[in-house]
Amino acid sequence: MLVALCSTPARMLRATALTGDNKMKRIHVSVSCTTILLFSTAAFLTAQNKVPVSDPQAVSYAKQAIQALTLGTSVSDVTVNGNVSSISSTGTERGTATLNGKGLGESRVDLFLGRGTKTEVRNGTSGVPLGNWYGTDGLVHEYATQNSWTDAVWFFPALSSLTTPPGANIVLSYIGQETRGGIQVQHIQSYVYAFGQDPLTISHVQSMSGMDFYLDNSSFLPVAVVFNAHPDNDSNTNLALEIDFSDYRSVNGFQIPYRIQKLFQGTLQIDFTTTSAVVNPGLSDSIFAIK
């Protein structure tokens, strides 16, 4: 994943990030004769180009999880259809849903509910994680960047950070064995390392992209993923999101979770039951276009 510094909204602040870099370069030139600054700059450049090494135990568990999910078959994209209940403060809407995902960076969630269709799109193929959502009001709402660093395909673990593809700069850490919901699980964490960026950006991206994976200790299938969302205007406030996976079934050799529940701050928000799934349908990038 190529990393670009941006904040809310993403498109507006790409230029700001470039301006900031230019200013930094001017500062380096103006004091380049200072030996101490030269030493500090060299140390900074060396540090920012060192990608941390993932914990071997975490990598081993992640590989076992992907093997359990796919039986070693490569996954490029997926379409999952099902029935859904959308719960909010105004009540519960029921209908159907189509979940599409491609690679690590593209997803589209369409909820066909009684009051109309709600759509969420994520796309990080440009190197900058972007997203928007829209509903019956006809307005397009842009995701804040701090809510776009976690896995785009949150509903399909075989297209998650567990795959750790080359060049994605995903770092895995092993936390340990725990009990979750009465099940023994292996707990690993992931985050994106913002290669080549300044320390503040590296720290920010690590915080915004952090995810916790809980793998069944016997099957290695993911039972839950936990990460933080944030208010659009406040990246420092954490709002807990949890995705629970259950009722795995084999579909053409792939393990598909037939029950997916999304909890926001501990309250059930989405309850999805799979009715059909197609792995590697050959989805076009056009369906993941950001408006």
C-alpha atoms as a PDB file:
ATOM      1  CA  MET A   1       0.000   0.000   0.000  1.00  0.00           C
ATOM      2  CA  LEU A   2       1.465   3.352  -0.987  1.00  0.00           C
ATOM      3  CA  VAL A   3       0.798   5.893   1.718  1.00  0.00           C
ATOM      4  CA  ALA A   4      -0.119   9.533   1.261  1.00  0.00           C
ATOM      5  CA  LEU A   5      -0.688  11.919   4.143  1.00  0.00           C
ATOM      6  CA  CYS A   6      -4.206  13.240   4.251  1.00  0.00           C
ATOM      7  CA  SER A   7      -6.953  13.969   6.729  1.00  0.00           C
ATOM      8  CA  THR A   8     -10.586  15.069   6.555  1.00  0.00           C
ATOM      9  CA  PRO A   9     -11.710  15.322   3.842  1.00  0.00           C
ATOM     10  CA  ALA A  10      -9.151  13.296   1.889  1.00  0.00           C
ATOM     11  CA  ARG A  11      -9.276  15.226  -1.388  1.00  0.00           C
ATOM     12  CA  MET A  12      -8.887  18.638   0.231  1.00  0.00           C
ATOM     13  CA  LEU A  13      -5.824  17.763   2.288  1.00  0.00           C
ATOM     14  CA  ARG A  14      -3.694  15.980  -0.270  1.00  0.00           C
ATOM     15  CA  ALA A  15      -2.491  19.431  -1.408  1.00  0.00           C
ATOM     16  CA  THR A  16      -1.937  20.451   2.234  1.00  0.00           C
ATOM     17  CA  ALA A  17       0.309  17.431   2.778  1.00  0.00           C
ATOM     18  CA  LEU A  18       2.417  18.394  -0.244  1.00  0.00           C
ATOM     19  CA  THR A  19       2.677  21.983   0.957  1.00  0.00           C
ATOM     20  CA  GLY A  20       3.841  20.738   4.336  1.00  0.00           C
ATOM     21  CA  ASP A  21       6.569  18.644   2.702  1.00  0.00           C
ATOM     22  CA  ASN A  22       7.765  21.635   0.676  1.00  0.00           C
ATOM     23  CA  LYS A  23       8.032  23.726   3.812  1.00  0.00           C
ATOM     24  CA  MET A  24      10.016  20.995   5.500  1.00  0.00           C
ATOM     25  CA  LYS A  25      12.450  20.895   2.576  1.00  0.00           C
ATOM     26  CA  ARG A  26      12.981  24.658   2.796  1.00  0.00           C
ATOM     27  CA  ILE A  27      13.795  24.359   6.481  1.00  0.00           C
ATOM     28  CA  HIS A  28      16.391  21.665   5.792  1.00  0.00           C
ATOM     29  CA  VAL A  29      18.080  23.853   3.179  1.00  0.00           C
ATOM     30  CA  SER A  30      18.189  26.930   5.369  1.00  0.00           C
ATOM     31  CA  VAL A  31      20.012  25.179   8.221  1.00  0.00           C
ATOM     32  CA  SER A  32      21.932  22.551   6.246  1.00  0.00           C
ATOM     33  CA  CYS A  33      25.227  23.890   7.603  1.00  0.00           C
ATOM     34  CA  THR A  34      24.317  22.810  11.130  1.00  0.00           C
ATOM     35  CA  THR A  35      26.112  19.556  11.902  1.00  0.00           C
ATOM     36  CA  ILE A  36      23.589  18.489  14.532  1.00  0.00           C
ATOM     37  CA  LEU A  37      20.659  18.975  12.175  1.00  0.00           C
ATOM     38  CA  LEU A  38      22.440  17.019   9.448  1.00  0.00           C
ATOM     39  CA  PHE A  39      22.934  14.153  11.858  1.00  0.00           C
ATOM     40  CA  SER A  40      19.287  14.283  12.983  1.00  0.00           C
ATOM     41  CA  THR A  41      18.039  14.410   9.386  1.00  0.00           C
ATOM     42  CA  ALA A  42      20.178  11.411   8.408  1.00  0.00           C
ATOM     43  CA  ALA A  43      18.873   9.454  11.396  1.00  0.00           C
ATOM     44  CA  PHE A  44      15.292  10.404  10.504  1.00  0.00           C
ATOM     45  CA  LEU A  45      15.700   9.309   6.880  1.00  0.00           C
ATOM     46  CA  THR A  46      17.218   6.004   7.978  1.00  0.00           C
ATOM     47  CA  ALA A  47      14.455   5.338  10.531  1.00  0.00           C
ATOM     48  CA  GLN A  48      11.604   6.162   8.186  1.00  0.00           C
ATOM     49  CA  ASN A  49      12.814   3.627   5.616  1.00  0.00           C
ATOM     50  CA  LYS A  50      12.923   0.691   8.045  1.00  0.00           C
ATOM     51  CA  VAL A  51       9.708  -1.302   7.907  1.00  0.00           C
ATOM     52  CA  PRO A  52       9.213  -3.128  11.227  1.00  0.00           C
ATOM     53  CA  VAL A  53       9.407  -6.904  11.049  1.00  0.00           C
ATOM     54  CA  SER A  54       6.225  -8.815  11.828  1.00  0.00           C
ATOM     55  CA  ASP A  55       6.211 -11.232  14.747  1.00  0.00           C
ATOM     56  CA  PRO A  56       6.928 -14.716  13.293  1.00  0.00           C
ATOM     57  CA  GLN A  57       4.298 -16.300  15.544  1.00  0.00           C
ATOM     58  CA  ALA A  58       1.670 -13.807  14.361  1.00  0.00           C
ATOM     59  CA  VAL A  59       2.621 -14.475  10.729  1.00  0.00           C
ATOM     60  CA  SER A  60       2.337 -18.215  11.328  1.00  0.00           C
ATOM     61  CA  TYR A  61      -1.173 -17.901  12.794  1.00  0.00           C
ATOM     62  CA  ALA A  62      -2.250 -15.552   9.985  1.00  0.00           C
ATOM     63  CA  LYS A  63      -1.071 -18.050   7.372  1.00  0.00           C
ATOM     64  CA  GLN A  64      -2.941 -20.853   9.131  1.00  0.00           C
ATOM     65  CA  ALA A  65      -6.081 -18.709   9.145  1.00  0.00           C
ATOM     66  CA  ILE A  66      -5.858 -17.996   5.406  1.00  0.00           C
ATOM     67  CA  GLN A  67      -5.131 -21.674   4.736  1.00  0.00           C
ATOM     68  CA  ALA A  68      -8.239 -22.650   6.728  1.00  0.00           C
ATOM     69  CA  LEU A  69     -10.339 -20.093   4.849  1.00  0.00           C
ATOM     70  CA  THR A  70      -9.134 -20.890   1.324  1.00  0.00           C
ATOM     71  CA  LEU A  71      -7.397 -24.298   1.399  1.00  0.00           C
ATOM     72  CA  GLY A  72      -4.519 -22.604  -0.375  1.00  0.00           C
ATOM     73  CA  THR A  73      -6.540 -21.265  -3.315  1.00  0.00           C
ATOM     74  CA  SER A  74      -5.841 -17.638  -4.243  1.00  0.00           C
ATOM     75  CA  VAL A  75      -8.718 -15.193  -3.654  1.00  0.00           C
ATOM     76  CA  SER A  76      -8.975 -12.007  -5.729  1.00  0.00           C
ATOM     77  CA  ASP A  77     -12.586 -10.925  -5.186  1.00  0.00           C
ATOM     78  CA  VAL A  78     -15.927 -12.020  -3.755  1.00  0.00           C
ATOM     79  CA  THR A  79     -19.669 -11.367  -3.909  1.00  0.00           C
ATOM     80  CA  VAL A  80     -21.800 -12.289  -0.910  1.00  0.00           C
ATOM     81  CA  ASN A  81     -25.609 -12.000  -0.919  1.00  0.00           C
ATOM     82  CA  GLY A  82     -27.901 -12.319   2.044  1.00  0.00           C
ATOM     83  CA  ASN A  83     -30.643 -11.078   4.331  1.00  0.00           C
ATOM     84  CA  VAL A  84     -29.922  -8.160   6.608  1.00  0.00           C
ATOM     85  CA  SER A  85     -31.310  -6.279   9.585  1.00  0.00           C
ATOM     86  CA  SER A  86     -30.092  -2.712  10.026  1.00  0.00           C
ATOM     87  CA  ILE A  87     -30.553  -1.463  13.589  1.00  0.00           C
ATOM     88  CA  SER A  88     -30.403   2.217  14.541  1.00  0.00           C
ATOM     89  CA  SER A  89     -31.896   4.607  17.065  1.00  0.00           C
ATOM     90  CA  THR A  90     -34.921   5.050  14.776  1.00  0.00           C
ATOM     91  CA  GLY A  91     -35.704   1.345  14.664  1.00  0.00           C
ATOM     92  CA  THR A  92     -34.885  -1.802  12.703  1.00  0.00           C
ATOM     93  CA  GLU A  93     -35.053  -2.074   8.920  1.00  0.00           C
ATOM     94  CA  ARG A  94     -34.984  -5.449   7.216  1.00  0.00           C
ATOM     95  CA  GLY A  95     -34.151  -6.356   3.661  1.00  0.00           C
ATOM     96  CA  THR A  96     -31.417  -7.887   1.566  1.00  0.00           C
ATOM     97  CA  ALA A  97     -27.800  -6.978   0.972  1.00  0.00           C
ATOM     98  CA  THR A  98     -24.992  -7.511  -1.524  1.00  0.00           C
ATOM     99  CA  LEU A  99     -21.401  -7.314  -0.300  1.00  0.00           C
ATOM    100  CA  ASN A 100     -18.646  -7.016  -2.917  1.00  0.00           C
ATOM    101  CA  GLY A 101     -14.924  -7.001  -2.225  1.00  0.00           C
ATOM    102  CA  LYS A 102     -11.787  -6.980  -4.339  1.00  0.00           C
ATOM    103  CA  GLY A 103      -8.223  -7.269  -3.111  1.00  0.00           C
ATOM    104  CA  LEU A 104      -7.400  -5.497   0.136  1.00  0.00           C
ATOM    105  CA  GLY A 105      -8.492  -2.052  -0.980  1.00  0.00           C
ATOM    106  CA  GLU A 106     -11.909  -2.196  -2.640  1.00  0.00           C
ATOM    107  CA  SER A 107     -15.353  -2.887  -1.206  1.00  0.00           C
ATOM    108  CA  ARG A 108     -18.973  -2.045  -1.834  1.00  0.00           C
ATOM    109  CA  VAL A 109     -21.856  -2.726   0.550  1.00  0.00           C
ATOM    110  CA  ASP A 110     -25.410  -2.295  -0.758  1.00  0.00           C
ATOM    111  CA  LEU A 111     -28.276  -2.607   1.729  1.00  0.00           C
ATOM    112  CA  PHE A 112     -31.686  -2.864   0.069  1.00  0.00           C
ATOM    113  CA  LEU A 113     -34.036  -1.862   2.847  1.00  0.00           C
ATOM    114  CA  GLY A 114     -37.665  -0.867   3.149  1.00  0.00           C
ATOM    115  CA  ARG A 115     -36.953   2.866   3.004  1.00  0.00           C
ATOM    116  CA  GLY A 116     -34.492   2.614   0.128  1.00  0.00           C
ATOM    117  CA  THR A 117     -30.931   1.579  -0.668  1.00  0.00           C
ATOM    118  CA  LYS A 118     -27.905   2.455   1.432  1.00  0.00           C
ATOM    119  CA  THR A 119     -24.469   2.109  -0.177  1.00  0.00           C
ATOM    120  CA  GLU A 120     -20.950   2.296   1.228  1.00  0.00           C
ATOM    121  CA  VAL A 121     -17.892   2.233  -1.052  1.00  0.00           C
ATOM    122  CA  ARG A 122     -14.218   1.986  -0.088  1.00  0.00           C
ATOM    123  CA  ASN A 123     -11.318   2.293  -2.507  1.00  0.00           C
ATOM    124  CA  GLY A 124      -7.613   2.496  -1.712  1.00  0.00           C
ATOM    125  CA  THR A 125      -6.163   1.603  -5.102  1.00  0.00           C
ATOM    126  CA  SER A 126      -4.808   5.138  -5.657  1.00  0.00           C
ATOM    127  CA  GLY A 127      -2.556   4.843  -2.609  1.00  0.00           C
ATOM    128  CA  VAL A 128      -4.859   7.123  -0.620  1.00  0.00           C
ATOM    129  CA  PRO A 129      -7.665   5.312   1.231  1.00  0.00           C
ATOM    130  CA  LEU A 130     -10.962   6.878   0.170  1.00  0.00           C
ATOM    131  CA  GLY A 131     -14.597   6.124   0.815  1.00  0.00           C
ATOM    132  CA  ASN A 132     -18.104   7.487   0.620  1.00  0.00           C
ATOM    133  CA  TRP A 133     -21.645   6.494   1.457  1.00  0.00           C
ATOM    134  CA  TYR A 134     -25.037   7.557   0.196  1.00  0.00           C
ATOM    135  CA  GLY A 135     -28.685   6.741   0.747  1.00  0.00           C
ATOM    136  CA  THR A 136     -32.187   7.802  -0.154  1.00  0.00           C
ATOM    137  CA  ASP A 137     -31.476  11.527   0.338  1.00  0.00           C
ATOM    138  CA  GLY A 138     -29.338  11.505  -2.815  1.00  0.00           C
ATOM    139  CA  LEU A 139     -26.382  13.122  -1.024  1.00  0.00           C
ATOM    140  CA  VAL A 140     -22.883  11.677  -1.217  1.00  0.00           C
ATOM    141  CA  HIS A 141     -21.035  11.725   2.095  1.00  0.00           C
ATOM    142  CA  GLU A 142     -17.255  11.388   2.071  1.00  0.00           C
ATOM    143  CA  TYR A 143     -15.439   9.212   4.587  1.00  0.00           C
ATOM    144  CA  ALA A 144     -12.904  10.909   6.788  1.00  0.00           C
ATOM    145  CA  THR A 145      -9.493   9.421   6.076  1.00  0.00           C
ATOM    146  CA  GLN A 146      -9.105   8.252   9.666  1.00  0.00           C
ATOM    147  CA  ASN A 147     -12.023   5.894   8.978  1.00  0.00           C
ATOM    148  CA  SER A 148     -10.529   4.495   5.788  1.00  0.00           C
ATOM    149  CA  TRP A 149      -7.241   2.942   6.956  1.00  0.00           C
ATOM    150  CA  THR A 150      -8.676  -0.327   8.274  1.00  0.00           C
ATOM    151  CA  ASP A 151      -9.539  -3.268   6.010  1.00  0.00           C
ATOM    152  CA  ALA A 152     -11.951  -2.276   3.261  1.00  0.00           C
ATOM    153  CA  VAL A 153     -13.354  -5.806   2.923  1.00  0.00           C
ATOM    154  CA  TRP A 154     -14.322  -6.069   6.595  1.00  0.00           C
ATOM    155  CA  PHE A 155     -16.968  -8.719   5.867  1.00  0.00           C
ATOM    156  CA  PHE A 156     -14.686 -11.354   4.267  1.00  0.00           C
ATOM    157  CA  PRO A 157     -11.638 -12.452   6.292  1.00  0.00           C
ATOM    158  CA  ALA A 158      -9.889 -14.053   3.295  1.00  0.00           C
ATOM    159  CA  LEU A 159      -9.409 -10.493   1.930  1.00  0.00           C
ATOM    160  CA  SER A 160      -8.136  -8.997   5.172  1.00  0.00           C
ATOM    161  CA  SER A 161      -4.787  -7.896   6.573  1.00  0.00           C
ATOM    162  CA  LEU A 162      -4.223 -11.538   7.536  1.00  0.00           C
ATOM    163  CA  THR A 163      -3.080 -12.108   3.943  1.00  0.00           C
ATOM    164  CA  THR A 164      -0.139  -9.659   4.413  1.00  0.00           C
ATOM    165  CA  PRO A 165       0.650  -9.417   0.674  1.00  0.00           C
ATOM    166  CA  PRO A 166       4.108  -8.172  -0.411  1.00  0.00           C
ATOM    167  CA  GLY A 167       4.253  -4.387  -0.653  1.00  0.00           C
ATOM    168  CA  ALA A 168       1.251  -3.795   1.600  1.00  0.00           C
ATOM    169  CA  ASN A 169       3.493  -2.773   4.546  1.00  0.00           C
ATOM    170  CA  ILE A 170       1.237  -4.623   6.991  1.00  0.00           C
ATOM    171  CA  VAL A 171       2.879  -5.431  10.323  1.00  0.00           C
ATOM    172  CA  LEU A 172       1.547  -8.286  12.486  1.00  0.00           C
ATOM    173  CA  SER A 173       2.049  -8.757  16.220  1.00  0.00           C
ATOM    174  CA  TYR A 174       1.161 -11.715  18.417  1.00  0.00           C
ATOM    175  CA  ILE A 175      -0.754 -10.829  21.591  1.00  0.00           C
ATOM    176  CA  GLY A 176      -1.465 -14.280  23.013  1.00  0.00           C
ATOM    177  CA  GLN A 177      -4.071 -16.934  23.674  1.00  0.00           C
ATOM    178  CA  GLU A 178      -7.304 -15.714  25.228  1.00  0.00           C
ATOM    179  CA  THR A 179     -10.897 -16.698  25.870  1.00  0.00           C
ATOM    180  CA  ARG A 180     -13.502 -14.791  23.871  1.00  0.00           C
ATOM    181  CA  GLY A 181     -17.197 -15.605  24.053  1.00  0.00           C
ATOM    182  CA  GLY A 182     -16.370 -18.914  25.690  1.00  0.00           C
ATOM    183  CA  ILE A 183     -14.001 -19.867  22.838  1.00  0.00           C
ATOM    184  CA  GLN A 184     -10.236 -20.239  23.077  1.00  0.00           C
ATOM    185  CA  VAL A 185      -8.715 -17.864  20.537  1.00  0.00           C
ATOM    186  CA  GLN A 186      -5.338 -16.696  19.299  1.00  0.00           C
ATOM    187  CA  HIS A 187      -5.157 -12.902  19.341  1.00  0.00           C
ATOM    188  CA  ILE A 188      -3.030 -11.060  16.767  1.00  0.00           C
ATOM    189  CA  GLN A 189      -2.876  -7.401  15.790  1.00  0.00           C
ATOM    190  CA  SER A 190      -2.154  -5.666  12.504  1.00  0.00           C
ATOM    191  CA  TYR A 191      -1.375  -2.152  11.367  1.00  0.00           C
ATOM    192  CA  VAL A 192      -0.160  -0.373   8.231  1.00  0.00           C
ATOM    193  CA  TYR A 193       3.352   1.059   8.308  1.00  0.00           C
ATOM    194  CA  ALA A 194       3.513   4.363   6.408  1.00  0.00           C
ATOM    195  CA  PHE A 195       6.800   3.701   4.644  1.00  0.00           C
ATOM    196  CA  GLY A 196       8.841   6.779   3.774  1.00  0.00           C
ATOM    197  CA  GLN A 197       6.744   9.210   5.801  1.00  0.00           C
ATOM    198  CA  ASP A 198       7.679  11.411   8.747  1.00  0.00           C
ATOM    199  CA  PRO A 199       7.382  10.017  12.319  1.00  0.00           C
ATOM    200  CA  LEU A 200       4.125  11.852  13.051  1.00  0.00           C
ATOM    201  CA  THR A 201       2.444  10.393   9.947  1.00  0.00           C
ATOM    202  CA  ILE A 202       3.825   6.926  10.691  1.00  0.00           C
ATOM    203  CA  SER A 203       2.362   7.071  14.196  1.00  0.00           C
ATOM    204  CA  HIS A 204      -0.972   8.444  12.960  1.00  0.00           C
ATOM    205  CA  VAL A 205      -1.414   5.774  10.282  1.00  0.00           C
ATOM    206  CA  GLN A 206      -0.429   3.016  12.715  1.00  0.00           C
ATOM    207  CA  SER A 207      -3.074   4.201  15.158  1.00  0.00           C
ATOM    208  CA  MET A 208      -5.806   4.619  12.520  1.00  0.00           C
ATOM    209  CA  SER A 209      -5.129   1.268  10.819  1.00  0.00           C
ATOM    210  CA  GLY A 210      -4.808  -0.922  13.903  1.00  0.00           C
ATOM    211  CA  MET A 211      -6.960  -4.074  13.936  1.00  0.00           C
ATOM    212  CA  ASP A 212      -7.326  -6.992  16.364  1.00  0.00           C
ATOM    213  CA  PHE A 213      -8.015 -10.460  14.957  1.00  0.00           C
ATOM    214  CA  TYR A 214      -9.278 -13.340  17.082  1.00  0.00           C
ATOM    215  CA  LEU A 215      -8.763 -16.809  15.580  1.00  0.00           C
ATOM    216  CA  ASP A 216     -10.444 -19.962  16.825  1.00  0.00           C
ATOM    217  CA  ASN A 217      -7.699 -21.924  18.558  1.00  0.00           C
ATOM    218  CA  SER A 218      -8.809 -25.198  16.928  1.00  0.00           C
ATOM    219  CA  SER A 219      -9.858 -24.268  13.393  1.00  0.00           C
ATOM    220  CA  PHE A 220      -7.910 -20.966  13.053  1.00  0.00           C
ATOM    221  CA  LEU A 221     -11.010 -19.439  11.457  1.00  0.00           C
ATOM    222  CA  PRO A 222     -11.516 -15.776  12.471  1.00  0.00           C
ATOM    223  CA  VAL A 223     -14.324 -15.382  14.991  1.00  0.00           C
ATOM    224  CA  ALA A 224     -14.027 -11.614  15.488  1.00  0.00           C
ATOM    225  CA  VAL A 225     -12.234  -8.506  14.285  1.00  0.00           C
ATOM    226  CA  VAL A 226     -12.125  -5.365  16.420  1.00  0.00           C
ATOM    227  CA  PHE A 227     -10.959  -1.882  15.417  1.00  0.00           C
ATOM    228  CA  ASN A 228     -11.758   1.784  16.018  1.00  0.00           C
ATOM    229  CA  ALA A 229     -13.817   4.262  14.046  1.00  0.00           C
ATOM    230  CA  HIS A 230     -13.640   7.995  14.704  1.00  0.00           C
ATOM    231  CA  PRO A 231     -15.843  11.073  14.359  1.00  0.00           C
ATOM    232  CA  ASP A 232     -15.273  12.785  11.006  1.00  0.00           C
ATOM    233  CA  ASN A 233     -13.797  15.847  12.708  1.00  0.00           C
ATOM    234  CA  ASP A 234     -11.903  14.113  15.512  1.00  0.00           C
ATOM    235  CA  SER A 235      -9.324  11.392  14.896  1.00  0.00           C
ATOM    236  CA  ASN A 236      -8.423  11.277  18.593  1.00  0.00           C
ATOM    237  CA  THR A 237     -11.770   9.887  19.762  1.00  0.00           C
ATOM    238  CA  ASN A 238     -12.095   6.120  19.425  1.00  0.00           C
ATOM    239  CA  LEU A 239     -15.442   4.457  18.689  1.00  0.00           C
ATOM    240  CA  ALA A 240     -15.264   0.680  18.979  1.00  0.00           C
ATOM    241  CA  LEU A 241     -16.342  -1.441  16.006  1.00  0.00           C
ATOM    242  CA  GLU A 242     -16.563  -5.221  16.187  1.00  0.00           C
ATOM    243  CA  ILE A 243     -17.258  -7.720  13.412  1.00  0.00           C
ATOM    244  CA  ASP A 244     -18.297 -11.198  14.574  1.00  0.00           C
ATOM    245  CA  PHE A 245     -18.131 -14.212  12.226  1.00  0.00           C
ATOM    246  CA  SER A 246     -19.918 -17.503  12.818  1.00  0.00           C
ATOM    247  CA  ASP A 247     -21.650 -20.437  11.108  1.00  0.00           C
ATOM    248  CA  TYR A 248     -18.825 -21.066   8.646  1.00  0.00           C
ATOM    249  CA  ARG A 249     -19.808 -23.272   5.704  1.00  0.00           C
ATOM    250  CA  SER A 250     -17.802 -24.699   2.818  1.00  0.00           C
ATOM    251  CA  VAL A 251     -18.640 -23.179  -0.571  1.00  0.00           C
ATOM    252  CA  ASN A 252     -16.592 -24.627  -3.424  1.00  0.00           C
ATOM    253  CA  GLY A 253     -13.732 -25.263  -1.031  1.00  0.00           C
ATOM    254  CA  PHE A 254     -13.815 -21.841   0.642  1.00  0.00           C
ATOM    255  CA  GLN A 255     -14.953 -21.297   4.227  1.00  0.00           C
ATOM    256  CA  ILE A 256     -17.681 -18.626   4.198  1.00  0.00           C
ATOM    257  CA  PRO A 257     -19.116 -17.067   7.377  1.00  0.00           C
ATOM    258  CA  TYR A 258     -22.885 -17.389   7.047  1.00  0.00           C
ATOM    259  CA  ARG A 259     -23.515 -15.074   9.997  1.00  0.00           C
ATOM    260  CA  ILE A 260     -21.863 -11.647  10.149  1.00  0.00           C
ATOM    261  CA  GLN A 261     -22.703  -9.181  12.896  1.00  0.00           C
ATOM    262  CA  LYS A 262     -21.384  -5.638  13.142  1.00  0.00           C
ATOM    263  CA  LEU A 263     -21.437  -3.956  16.551  1.00  0.00           C
ATOM    264  CA  PHE A 264     -20.887  -0.255  17.165  1.00  0.00           C
ATOM    265  CA  GLN A 265     -19.847   0.646  20.705  1.00  0.00           C
ATOM    266  CA  GLY A 266     -21.095  -2.748  21.831  1.00  0.00           C
ATOM    267  CA  THR A 267     -24.548  -2.369  20.229  1.00  0.00           C
ATOM    268  CA  LEU A 268     -25.631  -4.536  17.309  1.00  0.00           C
ATOM    269  CA  GLN A 269     -25.824  -2.408  14.159  1.00  0.00           C
ATOM    270  CA  ILE A 270     -25.855  -4.907  11.263  1.00  0.00           C
ATOM    271  CA  ASP A 271     -27.042  -8.521  11.402  1.00  0.00           C
ATOM    272  CA  PHE A 272     -26.324 -10.300   8.118  1.00  0.00           C
ATOM    273  CA  THR A 273     -27.156 -13.864   7.118  1.00  0.00           C
ATOM    274  CA  THR A 274     -25.533 -15.208   3.953  1.00  0.00           C
ATOM    275  CA  THR A 275     -27.741 -16.846   1.329  1.00  0.00           C
ATOM    276  CA  SER A 276     -25.127 -17.234  -1.434  1.00  0.00           C
ATOM    277  CA  ALA A 277     -21.485 -16.454  -2.088  1.00  0.00           C
ATOM    278  CA  VAL A 278     -19.243 -16.505  -5.151  1.00  0.00           C
ATOM    279  CA  VAL A 279     -15.477 -16.367  -4.737  1.00  0.00           C
ATOM    280  CA  ASN A 280     -13.404 -14.999  -7.645  1.00  0.00           C
ATOM    281  CA  PRO A 281     -16.344 -13.801  -9.790  1.00  0.00           C
ATOM    282  CA  GLY A 282     -14.075 -11.363 -11.672  1.00  0.00           C
ATOM    283  CA  LEU A 283     -15.513  -8.066 -10.451  1.00  0.00           C
ATOM    284  CA  SER A 284     -14.861  -4.866 -12.392  1.00  0.00           C
ATOM    285  CA  ASP A 285     -13.102  -1.991 -10.650  1.00  0.00           C
ATOM    286  CA  SER A 286     -15.881   0.288 -11.900  1.00  0.00           C
ATOM    287  CA  ILE A 287     -18.338  -0.875  -9.239  1.00  0.00           C
ATOM    288  CA  PHE A 288     -15.935   0.452  -6.586  1.00  0.00           C
ATOM    289  CA  ALA A 289     -15.638   3.949  -8.066  1.00  0.00           C
ATOM    290  CA  ILE A 290     -15.705   6.813  -5.575  1.00  0.00           C
ATOM    291  CA  LYS A 291     -18.302   9.437  -6.421  1.00  0.00           C
END
